[in-house]
Protein backbone atom coordinates (compact mmCIF):
# COMPACT_ATOMS: atom_id res chain seq x y z
CA MET A 1 -8.87 5.55 29.10
CA ALA A 2 -8.32 1.69 29.15
CA LEU A 3 -8.08 -0.75 26.21
CA ASN A 4 -9.94 -3.84 25.90
CA PRO A 5 -8.11 -6.87 24.34
CA TYR A 6 -9.16 -5.96 20.87
CA SER A 7 -7.26 -2.87 20.71
CA GLN A 8 -10.31 -0.56 21.29
CA VAL A 9 -11.23 2.04 23.79
CA THR A 10 -14.91 2.44 24.90
CA PHE A 11 -16.90 5.55 24.83
CA GLU A 12 -20.60 5.82 25.53
CA THR A 13 -21.06 1.85 24.94
CA ASN A 14 -19.28 2.14 21.60
CA ARG A 15 -15.73 0.89 20.67
CA TYR A 16 -13.31 2.64 18.75
CA SER A 17 -10.25 1.03 17.55
CA VAL A 18 -6.65 2.11 18.30
CA PRO A 19 -3.40 1.25 16.33
CA VAL A 20 -2.20 -2.00 17.91
CA GLU A 21 1.35 -0.85 17.44
CA ALA A 22 0.43 2.45 19.70
CA VAL A 23 -1.02 0.59 22.63
CA ARG A 24 -0.53 2.16 26.00
CA ALA A 25 -1.65 1.88 29.43
CA THR A 26 -3.52 4.91 29.44
CA LEU A 27 -4.89 7.02 26.50
CA THR A 28 -6.84 10.35 26.37
CA LEU A 29 -10.21 10.31 24.28
CA LYS A 30 -11.56 13.72 23.24
CA ALA A 31 -15.21 13.64 22.39
CA TYR A 32 -16.61 16.01 19.62
CA PRO A 33 -20.04 16.22 18.03
CA PHE A 34 -19.11 14.73 14.89
CA ARG A 35 -15.71 12.84 15.70
CA ILE A 36 -13.62 11.00 18.41
CA ASP A 37 -9.99 11.72 18.79
CA ILE A 38 -7.74 9.28 20.69
CA LEU A 39 -4.39 10.67 21.97
CA ASP A 40 -1.23 9.38 23.29
CA ASP A 41 0.08 12.06 25.53
CA GLN A 42 -0.42 14.96 23.14
CA GLN A 43 -0.16 12.97 19.79
CA LEU A 44 -3.31 11.98 17.96
CA ILE A 45 -3.23 8.19 16.98
CA ALA A 46 -6.62 7.65 15.92
CA ARG A 47 -9.68 9.62 14.80
CA HIS A 48 -13.19 8.06 14.13
CA PRO A 49 -16.45 9.65 13.29
CA ARG A 50 -18.78 9.85 16.43
CA CYS A 51 -21.36 6.95 16.70
CA TYR A 52 -24.36 7.78 18.60
CA GLY A 53 -25.73 4.58 18.11
CA ARG A 54 -25.39 1.76 21.12
CA ASP A 55 -23.01 -1.05 21.38
CA GLN A 56 -21.32 -0.56 18.17
CA ASP A 57 -17.72 -1.40 17.02
CA LEU A 58 -16.07 1.07 14.84
CA PHE A 59 -12.97 -0.28 13.19
CA ASP A 60 -10.35 1.39 11.25
CA PRO A 61 -8.51 -1.76 9.25
CA HIS A 62 -5.42 0.04 9.00
CA HIS A 63 -4.91 -0.44 12.84
CA TYR A 64 -4.94 -4.05 12.38
CA LEU A 65 -2.58 -4.47 9.61
CA PRO A 66 0.46 -4.96 11.81
CA LEU A 67 -1.24 -7.72 13.90
CA LEU A 68 -2.39 -9.37 10.72
CA GLU A 69 0.98 -9.27 9.13
CA GLN A 70 2.39 -11.38 11.98
CA ARG A 71 -0.67 -13.84 11.73
CA PRO A 72 -1.49 -14.22 8.18
CA GLY A 73 -3.88 -17.09 8.94
CA ALA A 74 -6.29 -14.55 10.65
CA PHE A 75 -6.71 -12.66 7.50
CA GLU A 76 -9.97 -14.15 6.14
CA HIS A 77 -11.69 -13.92 9.80
CA ALA A 78 -10.70 -10.37 10.71
CA ARG A 79 -13.76 -8.40 11.26
CA PRO A 80 -12.18 -4.93 10.51
CA LEU A 81 -10.75 -6.31 7.08
CA ARG A 82 -14.04 -7.97 6.25
CA ALA A 83 -15.87 -4.77 6.05
CA TRP A 84 -13.39 -2.98 4.25
CA ARG A 85 -12.84 -5.80 1.83
CA LYS A 86 -16.44 -5.55 0.67
CA THR A 87 -15.56 -2.00 -0.73
CA TRP A 88 -12.23 -2.96 -2.61
CA PRO A 89 -12.04 -2.47 -6.00
CA PRO A 90 -11.80 -6.08 -7.78
CA VAL A 91 -7.97 -5.50 -8.69
CA TYR A 92 -7.35 -6.01 -5.21
CA GLU A 93 -8.72 -9.39 -5.03
CA GLN A 94 -6.95 -10.15 -8.12
CA LEU A 95 -3.75 -9.15 -6.58
CA LEU A 96 -4.26 -11.09 -3.39
CA THR A 97 -5.26 -14.28 -5.41
CA GLN A 98 -2.12 -13.87 -7.49
CA LEU A 99 -0.09 -13.19 -4.44
CA ARG A 100 -1.43 -16.20 -2.59
CA ALA A 101 -0.69 -18.57 -5.61
CA THR A 102 2.78 -17.22 -6.00
CA TRP A 103 3.56 -17.63 -2.22
CA PRO A 104 1.02 -20.10 -0.75
CA ASP A 105 2.92 -20.56 2.67
CA GLY A 106 1.47 -17.00 4.06
CA ARG A 107 3.92 -14.93 2.42
CA GLY A 108 1.53 -13.96 -0.02
CA VAL A 109 -0.93 -12.67 2.37
CA ARG A 110 2.07 -10.60 4.31
CA GLU A 111 3.07 -9.13 0.89
CA PHE A 112 -0.68 -7.98 0.21
CA ILE A 113 -0.93 -6.56 3.77
CA GLN A 114 2.33 -4.67 3.11
CA VAL A 115 0.48 -3.18 -0.03
CA LEU A 116 -2.59 -2.29 2.16
CA LYS A 117 -0.27 -0.26 4.48
CA LEU A 118 0.66 1.87 1.52
CA HIS A 119 -2.70 3.55 2.42
CA ARG A 120 -1.16 5.31 5.13
CA ALA A 121 0.97 7.44 2.88
CA HIS A 122 -0.94 7.29 -0.47
CA PRO A 123 -4.55 7.82 -1.60
CA ALA A 124 -6.92 4.86 -2.47
CA THR A 125 -7.23 5.73 -6.10
CA LEU A 126 -3.35 6.12 -6.73
CA ILE A 127 -2.81 2.60 -5.02
CA GLU A 128 -5.58 0.99 -7.19
CA GLN A 129 -3.93 2.66 -10.38
CA ALA A 130 -0.45 1.39 -9.06
CA ILE A 131 -1.96 -2.40 -8.74
CA GLN A 132 -3.54 -2.35 -12.01
CA ARG A 133 -0.29 -1.15 -13.63
CA ALA A 134 1.75 -3.79 -11.58
CA LEU A 135 -0.65 -6.44 -12.79
CA ALA A 136 -0.27 -5.52 -16.43
CA LEU A 137 3.34 -5.41 -16.38
CA GLY A 138 3.62 -8.63 -14.61
CA CYS A 139 5.23 -7.17 -11.66
CA SER A 140 2.49 -7.89 -8.98
CA HIS A 141 4.56 -7.77 -5.77
CA LEU A 142 5.07 -5.06 -3.14
CA ASP A 143 8.36 -3.66 -4.88
CA GLY A 144 6.61 -3.47 -8.28
CA ILE A 145 3.62 -1.68 -6.92
CA ARG A 146 5.76 0.95 -5.14
CA LEU A 147 7.82 1.41 -8.40
CA CYS A 148 4.27 2.15 -10.14
CA LEU A 149 3.15 4.28 -7.41
CA HIS A 150 6.39 6.20 -7.74
CA GLN A 151 5.88 6.69 -11.35
CA LEU A 152 2.17 7.73 -11.08
CA ARG A 153 3.23 10.29 -8.33
CA ASP A 154 6.32 11.63 -10.11
CA ASP A 155 4.32 12.64 -13.56
CA THR A 156 7.24 14.57 -14.74
CA SER A 157 7.34 13.59 -18.48
CA LEU A 158 10.36 12.57 -20.42
CA PRO A 159 12.29 15.44 -21.87
CA PRO A 160 11.31 16.00 -25.45
CA PRO A 161 13.81 14.63 -28.10
CA LEU A 162 16.53 16.46 -29.39
CA ASP A 163 16.15 18.60 -32.48
CA LEU A 164 19.00 17.46 -34.67
CA ALA A 165 17.73 19.66 -37.73
CA ASP A 166 20.91 21.44 -37.91
CA ARG A 167 23.02 18.52 -37.41
CA PRO A 168 21.93 15.71 -39.63
CA GLN A 169 24.97 13.59 -39.09
CA LEU A 170 23.89 13.04 -35.70
CA ALA A 171 20.42 12.15 -36.34
CA GLN A 172 21.23 8.54 -37.23
CA VAL A 173 23.19 7.98 -34.16
CA GLY A 174 21.91 5.14 -31.91
CA GLY A 175 19.28 4.45 -34.78
CA GLN A 176 21.61 1.97 -36.74
CA ALA A 177 21.57 -1.61 -36.63
CA LEU A 178 23.70 -3.43 -33.74
CA ASN A 179 26.57 -5.30 -35.28
CA LEU A 180 27.41 -8.04 -32.76
CA GLN A 181 30.79 -8.83 -34.72
CA ARG A 182 32.37 -5.69 -33.49
CA TYR A 183 31.67 -7.14 -29.84
CA ASP A 184 33.25 -10.35 -31.07
CA GLN A 185 36.41 -8.37 -32.31
CA LEU A 186 36.62 -6.56 -28.89
CA LEU A 187 36.68 -9.78 -27.04
CA GLN A 188 39.35 -11.18 -29.49
CA VAL A 189 41.48 -8.08 -28.48
CA GLY A 190 41.23 -8.88 -24.73
CA ARG A 191 42.56 -12.34 -24.96
């Protein structure tokens, strides 16, 4: 099966997207009653719900993210993203606006596309929560969102505080006020 210039294969007049980084000269398409699988050798590279309409484009926006990362100016005009963008939670638009303001030269859009790529490995609800948390913490960039994702995924709580009831002399350790004069004394000794 051959690809068209938009990284799509055609089956029964409908066009199904293929990841741009997995484009090969020939691919195998397997049609099932409710889905279409596209394979490179034996590896599944794309799966779409089967369309029984005519002349339809079935895009998976994730397939085009690497290309848009190289050409951030095309972000607003990419058909696969326009449809997906209508379903985004409002925090995505808030993040995109903030990233564009921080890096207006296209780097903000590239950073946002990197955040969208997180969908390949994480559920959308978790990414939305991570973006909300990152915006609230003021770390609304890829690394901040990754950190928030890690914190949300690893929900192991902090260990309980030590019970020092039987050692009251230790109960005040770490709770006393800082005396910065002691640091000054250490600096004097070092000279």
